[in-house]
Amino acid sequence: MGLSLTRNVTEEYNENGYYILDASGWDYVLINISFDSGVIGFSSSNDSGAITGVTDGSAISATNFYAASLIDVSTNGATQVATPGITMYRAFLVGRFIKIDGDVAAKIILQYHKLS
């Protein structure tokens, strides 16, 4: 039996120009992105920005992001950037936090999946 969660993060992404998702505890995340032009990049981090004795850290305080390759579901190829149009990307074990970052307006829907 599996578990899934769907989130529309369009408003948060367009407001900030980026969105950081916490993929910990999930087997993979599908990222559905729709936009007309420009480039949206992917990066990841395992650094939650935790401060010992003060906070465990979170997606809000995450830091030290590095380019990450996600799988373009339509081509089954790895990519570090989203291309214009409507495309779905699979993030599978790339890091605890995944940052979607770009200077373009986009519609972004996340689907978190747990298989067992």
N, C-alpha and C. Protein backbone atom coordinates (compact mmCIF):
# COMPACT_ATOMS: atom_id res chain seq x y z
N MET A 1 0.84 -1.17 0.00
CA MET A 1 0.00 0.00 0.00
C MET A 1 0.89 1.24 0.00
N GLY A 2 0.49 2.25 -0.74
CA GLY A 2 1.29 3.47 -0.85
C GLY A 2 0.58 4.67 -0.24
N LEU A 3 1.32 5.74 -0.13
CA LEU A 3 0.81 6.98 0.42
C LEU A 3 1.26 8.10 -0.50
N SER A 4 0.39 9.08 -0.73
CA SER A 4 0.80 10.21 -1.56
C SER A 4 0.17 11.49 -1.02
N LEU A 5 0.80 12.60 -1.39
CA LEU A 5 0.34 13.93 -0.98
C LEU A 5 0.56 14.86 -2.17
N THR A 6 -0.46 15.62 -2.53
CA THR A 6 -0.35 16.57 -3.64
C THR A 6 -0.44 17.99 -3.08
N ARG A 7 0.49 18.85 -3.53
CA ARG A 7 0.51 20.26 -3.09
C ARG A 7 0.69 21.17 -4.30
N ASN A 8 -0.13 22.20 -4.39
CA ASN A 8 0.03 23.23 -5.40
C ASN A 8 0.84 24.35 -4.75
N VAL A 9 2.08 24.53 -5.21
CA VAL A 9 2.97 25.54 -4.61
C VAL A 9 3.19 26.73 -5.55
N THR A 10 2.31 26.88 -6.52
CA THR A 10 2.42 27.95 -7.52
C THR A 10 2.53 29.33 -6.87
N GLU A 11 1.66 29.61 -5.92
CA GLU A 11 1.65 30.94 -5.31
C GLU A 11 2.96 31.24 -4.58
N GLU A 12 3.45 30.29 -3.79
CA GLU A 12 4.69 30.49 -3.05
C GLU A 12 5.88 30.66 -3.99
N TYR A 13 5.93 29.84 -5.04
CA TYR A 13 7.03 29.94 -6.01
C TYR A 13 7.02 31.31 -6.71
N ASN A 14 5.87 31.70 -7.23
CA ASN A 14 5.79 32.97 -7.97
C ASN A 14 6.04 34.18 -7.08
N GLU A 15 5.67 34.08 -5.82
CA GLU A 15 5.89 35.18 -4.88
C GLU A 15 7.37 35.36 -4.56
N ASN A 16 8.11 34.25 -4.40
CA ASN A 16 9.51 34.31 -3.98
C ASN A 16 10.53 34.09 -5.09
N GLY A 17 10.13 33.52 -6.23
CA GLY A 17 11.06 33.20 -7.30
C GLY A 17 11.76 31.86 -7.09
N TYR A 18 11.38 31.16 -6.01
CA TYR A 18 11.92 29.84 -5.73
C TYR A 18 10.97 29.11 -4.77
N TYR A 19 11.15 27.81 -4.67
CA TYR A 19 10.43 27.02 -3.67
C TYR A 19 11.35 25.90 -3.22
N ILE A 20 11.42 25.69 -1.91
CA ILE A 20 12.24 24.61 -1.36
C ILE A 20 11.30 23.59 -0.74
N LEU A 21 11.40 22.35 -1.22
CA LEU A 21 10.56 21.30 -0.67
C LEU A 21 11.39 20.34 0.16
N ASP A 22 10.77 19.79 1.18
CA ASP A 22 11.42 18.81 2.06
C ASP A 22 10.97 17.43 1.61
N ALA A 23 11.89 16.66 1.04
CA ALA A 23 11.57 15.34 0.51
C ALA A 23 11.88 14.22 1.49
N SER A 24 12.30 14.56 2.71
CA SER A 24 12.65 13.52 3.67
C SER A 24 11.41 12.71 4.04
N GLY A 25 11.59 11.40 4.15
CA GLY A 25 10.50 10.52 4.49
C GLY A 25 9.68 10.05 3.31
N TRP A 26 9.95 10.58 2.12
CA TRP A 26 9.23 10.19 0.91
C TRP A 26 10.18 9.41 0.00
N ASP A 27 9.65 8.47 -0.76
CA ASP A 27 10.48 7.69 -1.68
C ASP A 27 10.86 8.49 -2.92
N TYR A 28 9.92 9.29 -3.42
CA TYR A 28 10.22 10.18 -4.54
C TYR A 28 9.17 11.27 -4.62
N VAL A 29 9.49 12.32 -5.37
CA VAL A 29 8.57 13.44 -5.57
C VAL A 29 8.44 13.69 -7.06
N LEU A 30 7.20 13.83 -7.55
CA LEU A 30 6.96 14.24 -8.92
C LEU A 30 6.69 15.74 -8.91
N ILE A 31 7.37 16.46 -9.79
CA ILE A 31 7.24 17.91 -9.86
C ILE A 31 6.69 18.25 -11.24
N ASN A 32 5.45 18.73 -11.28
CA ASN A 32 4.81 19.11 -12.54
C ASN A 32 4.96 20.61 -12.70
N ILE A 33 5.66 21.03 -13.76
CA ILE A 33 5.95 22.45 -13.98
C ILE A 33 5.39 22.89 -15.33
N SER A 34 4.73 24.03 -15.34
CA SER A 34 4.19 24.60 -16.57
C SER A 34 4.59 26.07 -16.64
N PHE A 35 5.32 26.44 -17.72
CA PHE A 35 5.68 27.85 -17.93
C PHE A 35 5.98 28.06 -19.41
N ASP A 36 6.00 29.33 -19.86
CA ASP A 36 6.09 29.65 -21.28
C ASP A 36 7.50 29.88 -21.80
N SER A 37 8.35 30.52 -21.02
CA SER A 37 9.71 30.82 -21.51
C SER A 37 10.64 31.00 -20.33
N GLY A 38 11.95 30.93 -20.62
CA GLY A 38 12.95 31.09 -19.57
C GLY A 38 13.49 29.75 -19.10
N VAL A 39 14.08 29.75 -17.92
CA VAL A 39 14.71 28.54 -17.37
C VAL A 39 14.40 28.44 -15.88
N ILE A 40 14.12 27.24 -15.44
CA ILE A 40 13.96 26.95 -14.02
C ILE A 40 14.97 25.87 -13.68
N GLY A 41 15.77 26.12 -12.64
CA GLY A 41 16.82 25.17 -12.26
C GLY A 41 16.45 24.35 -11.03
N PHE A 42 17.18 23.23 -10.88
CA PHE A 42 16.99 22.35 -9.74
C PHE A 42 18.29 22.26 -8.95
N SER A 43 18.19 22.28 -7.64
CA SER A 43 19.36 22.06 -6.78
C SER A 43 18.89 21.33 -5.53
N SER A 44 19.85 20.76 -4.80
CA SER A 44 19.47 20.02 -3.60
C SER A 44 20.49 20.22 -2.50
N SER A 45 20.07 19.87 -1.28
CA SER A 45 20.93 19.99 -0.12
C SER A 45 20.47 19.02 0.95
N ASN A 46 21.39 18.58 1.78
CA ASN A 46 21.07 17.81 2.98
C ASN A 46 21.27 18.66 4.23
N ASP A 47 21.66 19.92 4.06
CA ASP A 47 21.96 20.82 5.17
C ASP A 47 20.69 21.58 5.57
N SER A 48 20.12 21.21 6.69
CA SER A 48 18.87 21.83 7.15
C SER A 48 19.07 23.18 7.81
N GLY A 49 20.32 23.58 8.01
CA GLY A 49 20.59 24.83 8.70
C GLY A 49 20.38 24.72 10.19
N ALA A 50 20.43 23.51 10.72
CA ALA A 50 20.20 23.27 12.15
C ALA A 50 21.26 23.95 13.00
N ILE A 51 20.84 24.40 14.16
CA ILE A 51 21.75 24.98 15.15
C ILE A 51 21.61 24.13 16.40
N THR A 52 22.67 23.45 16.79
CA THR A 52 22.65 22.52 17.91
C THR A 52 22.06 23.16 19.17
N GLY A 53 21.06 22.50 19.72
CA GLY A 53 20.43 22.99 20.95
C GLY A 53 19.42 24.09 20.74
N VAL A 54 19.27 24.56 19.48
CA VAL A 54 18.35 25.67 19.22
C VAL A 54 17.23 25.24 18.27
N THR A 55 17.61 24.65 17.12
CA THR A 55 16.62 24.25 16.13
C THR A 55 17.12 23.04 15.34
N ASP A 56 16.18 22.23 14.86
CA ASP A 56 16.53 21.08 14.02
C ASP A 56 16.70 21.48 12.56
N GLY A 57 16.33 22.70 12.23
CA GLY A 57 16.39 23.15 10.85
C GLY A 57 15.16 22.72 10.07
N SER A 58 15.01 23.26 8.87
CA SER A 58 13.84 22.96 8.04
C SER A 58 14.10 23.45 6.62
N ALA A 59 13.10 23.32 5.77
CA ALA A 59 13.22 23.82 4.40
C ALA A 59 13.44 25.33 4.39
N ILE A 60 12.93 26.02 5.38
CA ILE A 60 13.08 27.48 5.45
C ILE A 60 14.53 27.87 5.72
N SER A 61 15.22 27.11 6.56
CA SER A 61 16.59 27.45 6.92
C SER A 61 17.64 26.64 6.15
N ALA A 62 17.20 25.77 5.24
CA ALA A 62 18.14 24.93 4.48
C ALA A 62 19.13 25.79 3.71
N THR A 63 20.36 25.29 3.60
CA THR A 63 21.43 26.05 2.95
C THR A 63 22.37 25.10 2.21
N ASN A 64 23.37 25.65 1.54
CA ASN A 64 24.38 24.88 0.81
C ASN A 64 23.78 24.02 -0.31
N PHE A 65 23.07 24.65 -1.20
CA PHE A 65 22.45 23.94 -2.33
C PHE A 65 23.45 23.77 -3.47
N TYR A 66 23.37 22.63 -4.13
CA TYR A 66 24.21 22.31 -5.29
C TYR A 66 23.31 21.81 -6.41
N ALA A 67 23.73 22.02 -7.65
CA ALA A 67 22.94 21.59 -8.81
C ALA A 67 22.58 20.12 -8.68
N ALA A 68 21.34 19.80 -9.02
CA ALA A 68 20.85 18.42 -8.94
C ALA A 68 20.21 18.02 -10.25
N SER A 69 20.35 16.78 -10.62
CA SER A 69 19.71 16.25 -11.82
C SER A 69 18.43 15.53 -11.44
N LEU A 70 17.34 15.92 -12.08
CA LEU A 70 16.06 15.25 -11.91
C LEU A 70 15.75 14.53 -13.22
N ILE A 71 14.85 13.59 -13.17
CA ILE A 71 14.48 12.82 -14.37
C ILE A 71 13.28 13.48 -15.04
N ASP A 72 13.43 13.83 -16.32
CA ASP A 72 12.33 14.33 -17.14
C ASP A 72 11.50 13.10 -17.49
N VAL A 73 10.28 13.01 -16.98
CA VAL A 73 9.45 11.82 -17.16
C VAL A 73 9.13 11.57 -18.63
N SER A 74 9.01 12.61 -19.44
CA SER A 74 8.66 12.42 -20.86
C SER A 74 9.80 11.82 -21.68
N THR A 75 11.05 12.07 -21.29
CA THR A 75 12.19 11.54 -22.06
C THR A 75 12.98 10.49 -21.28
N ASN A 76 12.73 10.39 -19.98
CA ASN A 76 13.46 9.51 -19.08
C ASN A 76 14.94 9.86 -19.00
N GLY A 77 15.26 11.12 -19.31
CA GLY A 77 16.63 11.60 -19.25
C GLY A 77 16.84 12.53 -18.07
N ALA A 78 18.07 12.60 -17.59
CA ALA A 78 18.40 13.48 -16.47
C ALA A 78 18.60 14.91 -16.96
N THR A 79 18.17 15.87 -16.16
CA THR A 79 18.34 17.28 -16.49
C THR A 79 18.48 18.11 -15.21
N GLN A 80 19.19 19.22 -15.30
CA GLN A 80 19.34 20.13 -14.17
C GLN A 80 18.47 21.37 -14.32
N VAL A 81 17.77 21.50 -15.46
CA VAL A 81 16.89 22.64 -15.70
C VAL A 81 15.59 22.17 -16.34
N ALA A 82 14.52 22.90 -16.02
CA ALA A 82 13.22 22.64 -16.64
C ALA A 82 13.13 23.44 -17.93
N THR A 83 12.50 22.86 -18.93
CA THR A 83 12.32 23.54 -20.21
C THR A 83 10.88 24.04 -20.33
N PRO A 84 10.68 25.13 -21.10
CA PRO A 84 9.33 25.68 -21.24
C PRO A 84 8.34 24.65 -21.75
N GLY A 85 7.10 24.80 -21.33
CA GLY A 85 6.03 23.88 -21.68
C GLY A 85 5.46 23.27 -20.42
N ILE A 86 4.84 22.12 -20.57
CA ILE A 86 4.30 21.39 -19.43
C ILE A 86 5.08 20.10 -19.32
N THR A 87 5.84 19.94 -18.25
CA THR A 87 6.69 18.78 -18.09
C THR A 87 6.65 18.30 -16.65
N MET A 88 6.82 17.00 -16.47
CA MET A 88 6.89 16.41 -15.14
C MET A 88 8.28 15.87 -14.90
N TYR A 89 8.81 16.14 -13.71
CA TYR A 89 10.15 15.71 -13.33
C TYR A 89 10.06 14.84 -12.09
N ARG A 90 10.92 13.82 -12.01
CA ARG A 90 10.94 12.94 -10.84
C ARG A 90 12.22 13.18 -10.06
N ALA A 91 12.06 13.49 -8.78
CA ALA A 91 13.19 13.64 -7.88
C ALA A 91 13.25 12.37 -7.04
N PHE A 92 14.31 11.61 -7.22
CA PHE A 92 14.46 10.33 -6.54
C PHE A 92 15.80 10.28 -5.86
N LEU A 93 15.82 10.45 -4.54
CA LEU A 93 17.04 10.37 -3.74
C LEU A 93 18.13 11.35 -4.16
N VAL A 94 17.77 12.60 -4.42
CA VAL A 94 18.79 13.60 -4.78
C VAL A 94 19.24 14.42 -3.58
N GLY A 95 18.49 14.40 -2.50
CA GLY A 95 18.83 15.15 -1.30
C GLY A 95 17.58 15.38 -0.47
N ARG A 96 17.78 15.79 0.77
CA ARG A 96 16.63 16.02 1.64
C ARG A 96 15.79 17.20 1.19
N PHE A 97 16.46 18.26 0.76
CA PHE A 97 15.76 19.46 0.31
C PHE A 97 16.00 19.67 -1.17
N ILE A 98 14.95 20.01 -1.91
CA ILE A 98 15.06 20.28 -3.34
C ILE A 98 14.58 21.70 -3.58
N LYS A 99 15.41 22.47 -4.26
CA LYS A 99 15.08 23.87 -4.55
C LYS A 99 14.73 24.00 -6.02
N ILE A 100 13.58 24.60 -6.28
CA ILE A 100 13.12 24.92 -7.64
C ILE A 100 13.28 26.42 -7.75
N ASP A 101 14.11 26.88 -8.70
CA ASP A 101 14.53 28.27 -8.70
C ASP A 101 14.53 28.84 -10.11
N GLY A 102 13.86 29.98 -10.31
CA GLY A 102 13.86 30.61 -11.62
C GLY A 102 13.24 32.00 -11.58
N ASP A 103 13.54 32.78 -12.60
CA ASP A 103 13.00 34.13 -12.68
C ASP A 103 11.81 34.21 -13.62
N VAL A 104 11.04 33.13 -13.69
CA VAL A 104 9.88 33.09 -14.57
C VAL A 104 8.65 32.67 -13.77
N ALA A 105 7.49 33.19 -14.17
CA ALA A 105 6.25 32.77 -13.54
C ALA A 105 5.92 31.36 -14.02
N ALA A 106 5.50 30.51 -13.12
CA ALA A 106 5.22 29.12 -13.46
C ALA A 106 4.13 28.56 -12.57
N LYS A 107 3.48 27.52 -13.05
CA LYS A 107 2.54 26.75 -12.23
C LYS A 107 3.28 25.49 -11.81
N ILE A 108 3.33 25.22 -10.50
CA ILE A 108 4.08 24.07 -9.98
C ILE A 108 3.20 23.27 -9.02
N ILE A 109 3.06 21.99 -9.33
CA ILE A 109 2.31 21.07 -8.48
C ILE A 109 3.25 19.93 -8.09
N LEU A 110 3.29 19.64 -6.79
CA LEU A 110 4.16 18.59 -6.27
C LEU A 110 3.31 17.39 -5.86
N GLN A 111 3.84 16.20 -6.13
CA GLN A 111 3.20 14.95 -5.68
C GLN A 111 4.26 14.14 -4.95
N TYR A 112 4.10 14.05 -3.63
CA TYR A 112 5.02 13.27 -2.80
C TYR A 112 4.50 11.82 -2.76
N HIS A 113 5.42 10.83 -2.87
CA HIS A 113 5.00 9.43 -2.87
C HIS A 113 5.83 8.59 -1.91
N LYS A 114 5.15 7.73 -1.16
CA LYS A 114 5.77 6.74 -0.29
C LYS A 114 5.21 5.39 -0.72
N LEU A 115 6.09 4.46 -1.07
CA LEU A 115 5.64 3.19 -1.65
C LEU A 115 5.20 2.15 -0.64
N SER A 116 5.84 2.08 0.50
CA SER A 116 5.47 1.04 1.44
C SER A 116 4.78 1.65 2.60
